[in-house]
Amino acid sequence: MMADHGDLCDGQDVAYCMNGGTCYKIPAMNTLSCVCNENYKGSRCEQFQLFTSSTDAGQAGLIAAVVIVALFVLVVLAVVIYYIYKMLKARQQSQQNNQQQYWRVKPRV
């Protein structure tokens, strides 16, 4: 933690860190540094970090990939079902046309 490497800021430097972060002065580098609260990040604790249930980015990426693949499979399945339905309907209509022609009496010449 920064407390081991620096001293707490004093005076105007206390306001350097935003959103309740703790300011530390590092004398060797003559610079200020912040230790942020749980929901903030950044060099001055200026960025709000949304709560996530996963502990690492790899797990979140894996979940996103699985969701995308599942959606892709569902779309492909829907297209296949649509074309099978369309093909069966065309076949049924063709059979009905053939039956109507079979019963039609041809005129004598």
C-alpha atoms as a PDB file:
ATOM      1  CA  MET A   1       0.000   0.000   0.000  1.00  0.00           C
ATOM      2  CA  MET A   2       1.109   3.569  -0.533  1.00  0.00           C
ATOM      3  CA  ALA A   3       1.324   4.241   3.211  1.00  0.00           C
ATOM      4  CA  ASP A   4       4.575   2.256   3.296  1.00  0.00           C
ATOM      5  CA  HIS A   5       6.171   4.490   0.670  1.00  0.00           C
ATOM      6  CA  GLY A   6       4.851   7.935   1.447  1.00  0.00           C
ATOM      7  CA  ASP A   7       3.361  10.304   3.947  1.00  0.00           C
ATOM      8  CA  LEU A   8      -0.244  11.443   4.139  1.00  0.00           C
ATOM      9  CA  CYS A   9      -0.860  14.684   2.273  1.00  0.00           C
ATOM     10  CA  ASP A  10      -1.486  17.856   4.192  1.00  0.00           C
ATOM     11  CA  GLY A  11      -2.853  21.303   3.431  1.00  0.00           C
ATOM     12  CA  GLN A  12      -4.176  21.825  -0.077  1.00  0.00           C
ATOM     13  CA  ASP A  13      -2.788  18.482  -1.288  1.00  0.00           C
ATOM     14  CA  VAL A  14      -5.477  16.590   0.670  1.00  0.00           C
ATOM     15  CA  ALA A  15      -8.040  17.551  -2.006  1.00  0.00           C
ATOM     16  CA  TYR A  16      -5.865  16.059  -4.798  1.00  0.00           C
ATOM     17  CA  CYS A  17      -7.671  12.681  -4.677  1.00  0.00           C
ATOM     18  CA  MET A  18     -11.321  12.632  -5.720  1.00  0.00           C
ATOM     19  CA  ASN A  19     -14.283  10.602  -4.448  1.00  0.00           C
ATOM     20  CA  GLY A  20     -12.907   9.977  -0.979  1.00  0.00           C
ATOM     21  CA  GLY A  21      -9.517   8.616  -2.033  1.00  0.00           C
ATOM     22  CA  THR A  22      -6.592   8.921   0.366  1.00  0.00           C
ATOM     23  CA  CYS A  23      -3.730  11.159  -0.787  1.00  0.00           C
ATOM     24  CA  TYR A  24      -0.077  10.244  -0.186  1.00  0.00           C
ATOM     25  CA  LYS A  25       3.000  12.355  -0.892  1.00  0.00           C
ATOM     26  CA  ILE A  26       6.000  10.432  -2.209  1.00  0.00           C
ATOM     27  CA  PRO A  27       9.052  12.496  -1.259  1.00  0.00           C
ATOM     28  CA  ALA A  28      11.580  10.584  -3.375  1.00  0.00           C
ATOM     29  CA  MET A  29       9.672  11.420  -6.565  1.00  0.00           C
ATOM     30  CA  ASN A  30       8.157  14.712  -5.360  1.00  0.00           C
ATOM     31  CA  THR A  31       4.717  13.579  -6.503  1.00  0.00           C
ATOM     32  CA  LEU A  32       1.267  12.820  -5.122  1.00  0.00           C
ATOM     33  CA  SER A  33      -0.452   9.458  -5.300  1.00  0.00           C
ATOM     34  CA  CYS A  34      -3.913   8.191  -4.378  1.00  0.00           C
ATOM     35  CA  VAL A  35      -5.323   5.047  -2.814  1.00  0.00           C
ATOM     36  CA  CYS A  36      -8.891   4.812  -4.077  1.00  0.00           C
ATOM     37  CA  ASN A  37     -12.045   3.575  -2.405  1.00  0.00           C
ATOM     38  CA  GLU A  38     -13.609   0.301  -3.521  1.00  0.00           C
ATOM     39  CA  ASN A  39     -15.742   1.630  -6.411  1.00  0.00           C
ATOM     40  CA  TYR A  40     -13.250   4.085  -7.929  1.00  0.00           C
ATOM     41  CA  LYS A  41     -10.054   3.837  -9.942  1.00  0.00           C
ATOM     42  CA  GLY A  42      -7.654   6.077 -11.813  1.00  0.00           C
ATOM     43  CA  SER A  43      -4.619   8.120 -10.840  1.00  0.00           C
ATOM     44  CA  ARG A  44      -6.833  10.535  -8.869  1.00  0.00           C
ATOM     45  CA  CYS A  45      -9.787   8.145  -8.197  1.00  0.00           C
ATOM     46  CA  GLU A  46     -11.769   9.988 -10.882  1.00  0.00           C
ATOM     47  CA  GLN A  47     -13.294   6.974 -12.645  1.00  0.00           C
ATOM     48  CA  PHE A  48     -16.331   5.194 -11.243  1.00  0.00           C
ATOM     49  CA  GLN A  49     -15.989   1.436 -11.553  1.00  0.00           C
ATOM     50  CA  LEU A  50     -19.279  -0.431 -11.970  1.00  0.00           C
ATOM     51  CA  PHE A  51     -19.899  -3.446  -9.782  1.00  0.00           C
ATOM     52  CA  THR A  52     -19.304  -6.768 -11.538  1.00  0.00           C
ATOM     53  CA  SER A  53     -19.972 -10.234 -10.257  1.00  0.00           C
ATOM     54  CA  SER A  54     -16.967 -11.797 -12.000  1.00  0.00           C
ATOM     55  CA  THR A  55     -13.580 -11.502 -10.389  1.00  0.00           C
ATOM     56  CA  ASP A  56     -11.540 -11.270 -13.576  1.00  0.00           C
ATOM     57  CA  ALA A  57     -11.944 -10.020 -17.128  1.00  0.00           C
ATOM     58  CA  GLY A  58     -11.322 -13.492 -18.590  1.00  0.00           C
ATOM     59  CA  GLN A  59     -14.447 -14.877 -16.964  1.00  0.00           C
ATOM     60  CA  ALA A  60     -16.538 -11.950 -18.230  1.00  0.00           C
ATOM     61  CA  GLY A  61     -15.136 -12.450 -21.734  1.00  0.00           C
ATOM     62  CA  LEU A  62     -15.972 -16.134 -21.619  1.00  0.00           C
ATOM     63  CA  ILE A  63     -19.552 -15.387 -20.570  1.00  0.00           C
ATOM     64  CA  ALA A  64     -19.895 -12.851 -23.394  1.00  0.00           C
ATOM     65  CA  ALA A  65     -18.531 -15.361 -25.917  1.00  0.00           C
ATOM     66  CA  VAL A  66     -20.967 -18.058 -24.762  1.00  0.00           C
ATOM     67  CA  VAL A  67     -23.908 -15.651 -25.057  1.00  0.00           C
ATOM     68  CA  ILE A  68     -22.854 -14.608 -28.568  1.00  0.00           C
ATOM     69  CA  VAL A  69     -22.425 -18.222 -29.708  1.00  0.00           C
ATOM     70  CA  ALA A  70     -25.810 -19.172 -28.215  1.00  0.00           C
ATOM     71  CA  LEU A  71     -27.509 -16.287 -30.061  1.00  0.00           C
ATOM     72  CA  PHE A  72     -25.796 -17.296 -33.307  1.00  0.00           C
ATOM     73  CA  VAL A  73     -26.961 -20.910 -32.910  1.00  0.00           C
ATOM     74  CA  LEU A  74     -30.536 -19.731 -32.264  1.00  0.00           C
ATOM     75  CA  VAL A  75     -30.522 -17.550 -35.389  1.00  0.00           C
ATOM     76  CA  VAL A  76     -29.163 -20.403 -37.535  1.00  0.00           C
ATOM     77  CA  LEU A  77     -31.753 -22.777 -36.075  1.00  0.00           C
ATOM     78  CA  ALA A  78     -34.557 -20.305 -36.819  1.00  0.00           C
ATOM     79  CA  VAL A  79     -33.401 -19.949 -40.441  1.00  0.00           C
ATOM     80  CA  VAL A  80     -33.207 -23.740 -40.882  1.00  0.00           C
ATOM     81  CA  ILE A  81     -36.698 -24.229 -39.429  1.00  0.00           C
ATOM     82  CA  TYR A  82     -38.070 -21.483 -41.705  1.00  0.00           C
ATOM     83  CA  TYR A  83     -36.637 -23.085 -44.850  1.00  0.00           C
ATOM     84  CA  ILE A  84     -37.817 -26.567 -43.849  1.00  0.00           C
ATOM     85  CA  TYR A  85     -41.333 -25.190 -43.285  1.00  0.00           C
ATOM     86  CA  LYS A  86     -41.216 -23.368 -46.608  1.00  0.00           C
ATOM     87  CA  MET A  87     -40.008 -26.511 -48.431  1.00  0.00           C
ATOM     88  CA  LEU A  88     -42.693 -28.714 -46.862  1.00  0.00           C
ATOM     89  CA  LYS A  89     -45.399 -26.193 -47.716  1.00  0.00           C
ATOM     90  CA  ALA A  90     -44.212 -26.044 -51.348  1.00  0.00           C
ATOM     91  CA  ARG A  91     -44.182 -29.865 -51.551  1.00  0.00           C
ATOM     92  CA  GLN A  92     -47.704 -30.057 -50.116  1.00  0.00           C
ATOM     93  CA  GLN A  93     -48.932 -27.452 -52.573  1.00  0.00           C
ATOM     94  CA  SER A  94     -47.271 -29.331 -55.429  1.00  0.00           C
ATOM     95  CA  GLN A  95     -48.990 -32.561 -54.381  1.00  0.00           C
ATOM     96  CA  GLN A  96     -52.355 -30.795 -54.284  1.00  0.00           C
ATOM     97  CA  ASN A  97     -51.782 -29.443 -57.794  1.00  0.00           C
ATOM     98  CA  ASN A  98     -50.873 -32.943 -59.019  1.00  0.00           C
ATOM     99  CA  GLN A  99     -54.043 -34.419 -57.487  1.00  0.00           C
ATOM    100  CA  GLN A 100     -56.209 -31.784 -59.139  1.00  0.00           C
ATOM    101  CA  GLN A 101     -54.651 -32.532 -62.510  1.00  0.00           C
ATOM    102  CA  TYR A 102     -55.101 -36.274 -62.028  1.00  0.00           C
ATOM    103  CA  TRP A 103     -58.858 -35.994 -61.628  1.00  0.00           C
ATOM    104  CA  ARG A 104     -59.296 -33.544 -64.459  1.00  0.00           C
ATOM    105  CA  VAL A 105     -60.873 -35.159 -67.494  1.00  0.00           C
ATOM    106  CA  LYS A 106     -59.033 -34.488 -70.690  1.00  0.00           C
ATOM    107  CA  PRO A 107     -61.204 -33.446 -73.592  1.00  0.00           C
ATOM    108  CA  ARG A 108     -61.454 -35.710 -76.637  1.00  0.00           C
ATOM    109  CA  VAL A 109     -60.127 -34.450 -79.818  1.00  0.00           C
END
